[in-house]
Amino acid sequence: MQYAVRLTAATRAPKESAVGDISQYLSCGASPRASIHLIESARALACLRGRDYVVRDDVVYVASDVLRHRLVISYEAQAENVTADDLIARLLEMIPMPKNVLNSRVPSVIRS
């Protein structure tokens, strides 16, 4: 969850998130709701892959599809043919991934 939140927060404040070189290409970043949809999409992917927990690769796999339409790229980005997918790829490179710690996982489905 923290990784998904860091990714989306970096689109809103790239200079504070060590990806300041993309700030000139963003007019508006992804809203906090994008974090929720990123997490939910990763959970759905994990379920489709037969797991009841999410790993970081699930978040990476769905990141472009979830964030692409939520970013408003600047005129400068359009002039330089920089796409939202290019910016998301840069985010995924620069934002540190969490370690996969499966022994302390939180199930994606809460059982009572």
C-alpha atoms as a PDB file:
ATOM      1  CA  MET A   1       0.000   0.000   0.000  1.00  0.00           C
ATOM      2  CA  GLN A   2       2.775   2.408   0.845  1.00  0.00           C
ATOM      3  CA  TYR A   3       4.411   1.823  -2.544  1.00  0.00           C
ATOM      4  CA  ALA A   4       1.174   2.635  -4.377  1.00  0.00           C
ATOM      5  CA  VAL A   5       0.747   5.790  -2.301  1.00  0.00           C
ATOM      6  CA  ARG A   6       4.361   6.845  -2.943  1.00  0.00           C
ATOM      7  CA  LEU A   7       3.903   6.367  -6.699  1.00  0.00           C
ATOM      8  CA  THR A   8       0.797   8.496  -6.904  1.00  0.00           C
ATOM      9  CA  ALA A   9       2.109  11.126  -4.499  1.00  0.00           C
ATOM     10  CA  ALA A  10       5.209  11.464  -6.677  1.00  0.00           C
ATOM     11  CA  THR A  11       3.009  12.558  -9.566  1.00  0.00           C
ATOM     12  CA  ARG A  12       1.627  15.415  -7.457  1.00  0.00           C
ATOM     13  CA  ALA A  13       4.937  16.505  -5.923  1.00  0.00           C
ATOM     14  CA  PRO A  14       7.755  15.174  -8.114  1.00  0.00           C
ATOM     15  CA  LYS A  15      10.407  17.524  -6.713  1.00  0.00           C
ATOM     16  CA  GLU A  16       9.861  16.225  -3.182  1.00  0.00           C
ATOM     17  CA  SER A  17       9.892  12.595  -4.370  1.00  0.00           C
ATOM     18  CA  ALA A  18      13.315  12.479  -6.057  1.00  0.00           C
ATOM     19  CA  VAL A  19      11.764  12.530  -9.539  1.00  0.00           C
ATOM     20  CA  GLY A  20      11.920  16.282 -10.017  1.00  0.00           C
ATOM     21  CA  ASP A  21      13.106  15.902 -13.596  1.00  0.00           C
ATOM     22  CA  ILE A  22       9.547  14.985 -14.637  1.00  0.00           C
ATOM     23  CA  SER A  23       7.895  17.996 -13.002  1.00  0.00           C
ATOM     24  CA  GLN A  24       8.180  20.067 -16.171  1.00  0.00           C
ATOM     25  CA  TYR A  25       6.149  17.442 -18.017  1.00  0.00           C
ATOM     26  CA  LEU A  26       3.230  17.297 -15.584  1.00  0.00           C
ATOM     27  CA  SER A  27       0.498  19.881 -15.354  1.00  0.00           C
ATOM     28  CA  CYS A  28      -1.499  17.840 -12.867  1.00  0.00           C
ATOM     29  CA  GLY A  29      -0.695  14.582 -11.098  1.00  0.00           C
ATOM     30  CA  ALA A  30      -2.881  11.676 -10.046  1.00  0.00           C
ATOM     31  CA  SER A  31      -5.361  12.276  -7.235  1.00  0.00           C
ATOM     32  CA  PRO A  32      -5.258  10.388  -3.939  1.00  0.00           C
ATOM     33  CA  ARG A  33      -8.079   8.201  -5.276  1.00  0.00           C
ATOM     34  CA  ALA A  34      -5.581   6.876  -7.828  1.00  0.00           C
ATOM     35  CA  SER A  35      -3.760   5.195  -4.927  1.00  0.00           C
ATOM     36  CA  ILE A  36      -6.939   3.381  -3.994  1.00  0.00           C
ATOM     37  CA  HIS A  37      -7.519   2.217  -7.565  1.00  0.00           C
ATOM     38  CA  LEU A  38      -3.900   1.157  -7.919  1.00  0.00           C
ATOM     39  CA  ILE A  39      -4.168  -0.985  -4.793  1.00  0.00           C
ATOM     40  CA  GLU A  40      -7.518  -2.457  -5.816  1.00  0.00           C
ATOM     41  CA  SER A  41      -6.231  -3.281  -9.303  1.00  0.00           C
ATOM     42  CA  ALA A  42      -3.149  -4.954  -7.853  1.00  0.00           C
ATOM     43  CA  ARG A  43      -5.374  -6.973  -5.509  1.00  0.00           C
ATOM     44  CA  ALA A  44      -7.553  -8.076  -8.425  1.00  0.00           C
ATOM     45  CA  LEU A  45      -4.474  -9.099 -10.411  1.00  0.00           C
ATOM     46  CA  ALA A  46      -3.140 -11.077  -7.452  1.00  0.00           C
ATOM     47  CA  CYS A  47      -6.485 -12.863  -7.199  1.00  0.00           C
ATOM     48  CA  LEU A  48      -6.428 -13.675 -10.919  1.00  0.00           C
ATOM     49  CA  ARG A  49      -2.941 -15.084 -10.442  1.00  0.00           C
ATOM     50  CA  GLY A  50      -4.198 -17.339  -7.659  1.00  0.00           C
ATOM     51  CA  ARG A  51      -2.832 -15.455  -4.668  1.00  0.00           C
ATOM     52  CA  ASP A  52      -4.612 -13.916  -1.718  1.00  0.00           C
ATOM     53  CA  TYR A  53      -1.852 -11.322  -1.254  1.00  0.00           C
ATOM     54  CA  VAL A  54      -0.280  -8.614  -3.387  1.00  0.00           C
ATOM     55  CA  VAL A  55       3.408  -8.436  -4.273  1.00  0.00           C
ATOM     56  CA  ARG A  56       5.199  -5.394  -5.602  1.00  0.00           C
ATOM     57  CA  ASP A  57       5.230  -6.773  -9.143  1.00  0.00           C
ATOM     58  CA  ASP A  58       1.419  -6.669  -9.152  1.00  0.00           C
ATOM     59  CA  VAL A  59       1.506  -2.932  -8.473  1.00  0.00           C
ATOM     60  CA  VAL A  60       4.142  -2.380 -11.172  1.00  0.00           C
ATOM     61  CA  TYR A  61       2.154  -4.447 -13.684  1.00  0.00           C
ATOM     62  CA  VAL A  62      -1.036  -2.373 -13.332  1.00  0.00           C
ATOM     63  CA  ALA A  63       0.581   1.041 -12.717  1.00  0.00           C
ATOM     64  CA  SER A  64       0.493   2.265 -16.315  1.00  0.00           C
ATOM     65  CA  ASP A  65      -3.077   1.170 -16.899  1.00  0.00           C
ATOM     66  CA  VAL A  66      -4.302   2.778 -13.695  1.00  0.00           C
ATOM     67  CA  LEU A  67      -2.303   6.020 -13.823  1.00  0.00           C
ATOM     68  CA  ARG A  68      -2.091   6.758 -17.557  1.00  0.00           C
ATOM     69  CA  HIS A  69      -5.372   8.637 -17.882  1.00  0.00           C
ATOM     70  CA  ARG A  70      -5.017  10.310 -14.490  1.00  0.00           C
ATOM     71  CA  LEU A  71      -1.971  12.362 -15.454  1.00  0.00           C
ATOM     72  CA  VAL A  72      -2.328  15.670 -17.264  1.00  0.00           C
ATOM     73  CA  ILE A  73       0.843  16.166 -19.234  1.00  0.00           C
ATOM     74  CA  SER A  74       2.110  19.657 -19.992  1.00  0.00           C
ATOM     75  CA  TYR A  75       2.391  21.348 -23.380  1.00  0.00           C
ATOM     76  CA  GLU A  76       6.147  20.919 -23.096  1.00  0.00           C
ATOM     77  CA  ALA A  77       5.702  17.156 -22.797  1.00  0.00           C
ATOM     78  CA  GLN A  78       3.432  17.134 -25.826  1.00  0.00           C
ATOM     79  CA  ALA A  79       5.931  19.197 -27.806  1.00  0.00           C
ATOM     80  CA  GLU A  80       8.720  16.753 -26.907  1.00  0.00           C
ATOM     81  CA  ASN A  81       6.533  13.680 -27.541  1.00  0.00           C
ATOM     82  CA  VAL A  82       6.750  12.611 -23.902  1.00  0.00           C
ATOM     83  CA  THR A  83       3.766  10.428 -23.036  1.00  0.00           C
ATOM     84  CA  ALA A  84       2.134   9.596 -19.729  1.00  0.00           C
ATOM     85  CA  ASP A  85       3.551   6.081 -20.110  1.00  0.00           C
ATOM     86  CA  ASP A  86       7.068   7.550 -20.362  1.00  0.00           C
ATOM     87  CA  LEU A  87       6.512   9.468 -17.127  1.00  0.00           C
ATOM     88  CA  ILE A  88       5.097   6.421 -15.350  1.00  0.00           C
ATOM     89  CA  ALA A  89       8.082   4.344 -16.470  1.00  0.00           C
ATOM     90  CA  ARG A  90      10.372   7.007 -15.005  1.00  0.00           C
ATOM     91  CA  LEU A  91       8.439   6.936 -11.728  1.00  0.00           C
ATOM     92  CA  LEU A  92       8.732   3.164 -11.552  1.00  0.00           C
ATOM     93  CA  GLU A  93      12.489   3.467 -12.094  1.00  0.00           C
ATOM     94  CA  MET A  94      13.046   6.148  -9.475  1.00  0.00           C
ATOM     95  CA  ILE A  95      10.639   5.346  -6.639  1.00  0.00           C
ATOM     96  CA  PRO A  96      12.248   2.606  -4.539  1.00  0.00           C
ATOM     97  CA  MET A  97      10.336  -0.660  -4.425  1.00  0.00           C
ATOM     98  CA  PRO A  98       9.553  -2.218  -1.079  1.00  0.00           C
ATOM     99  CA  LYS A  99      11.001  -5.568  -0.190  1.00  0.00           C
ATOM    100  CA  ASN A 100       8.746  -8.558  -0.718  1.00  0.00           C
ATOM    101  CA  VAL A 101       8.230  -9.806   2.806  1.00  0.00           C
ATOM    102  CA  LEU A 102       5.764 -12.633   2.428  1.00  0.00           C
ATOM    103  CA  ASN A 103       5.923 -13.886   5.991  1.00  0.00           C
ATOM    104  CA  SER A 104       4.350 -10.652   7.246  1.00  0.00           C
ATOM    105  CA  ARG A 105       1.757 -10.287   4.524  1.00  0.00           C
ATOM    106  CA  VAL A 106      -1.724  -8.955   4.991  1.00  0.00           C
ATOM    107  CA  PRO A 107      -4.374 -11.039   3.227  1.00  0.00           C
ATOM    108  CA  SER A 108      -6.219  -9.274   0.441  1.00  0.00           C
ATOM    109  CA  VAL A 109      -9.489 -10.837   1.629  1.00  0.00           C
ATOM    110  CA  ILE A 110     -10.414 -10.432   5.271  1.00  0.00           C
ATOM    111  CA  ARG A 111     -11.942 -13.587   6.658  1.00  0.00           C
ATOM    112  CA  SER A 112     -14.108 -13.593   9.734  1.00  0.00           C
END
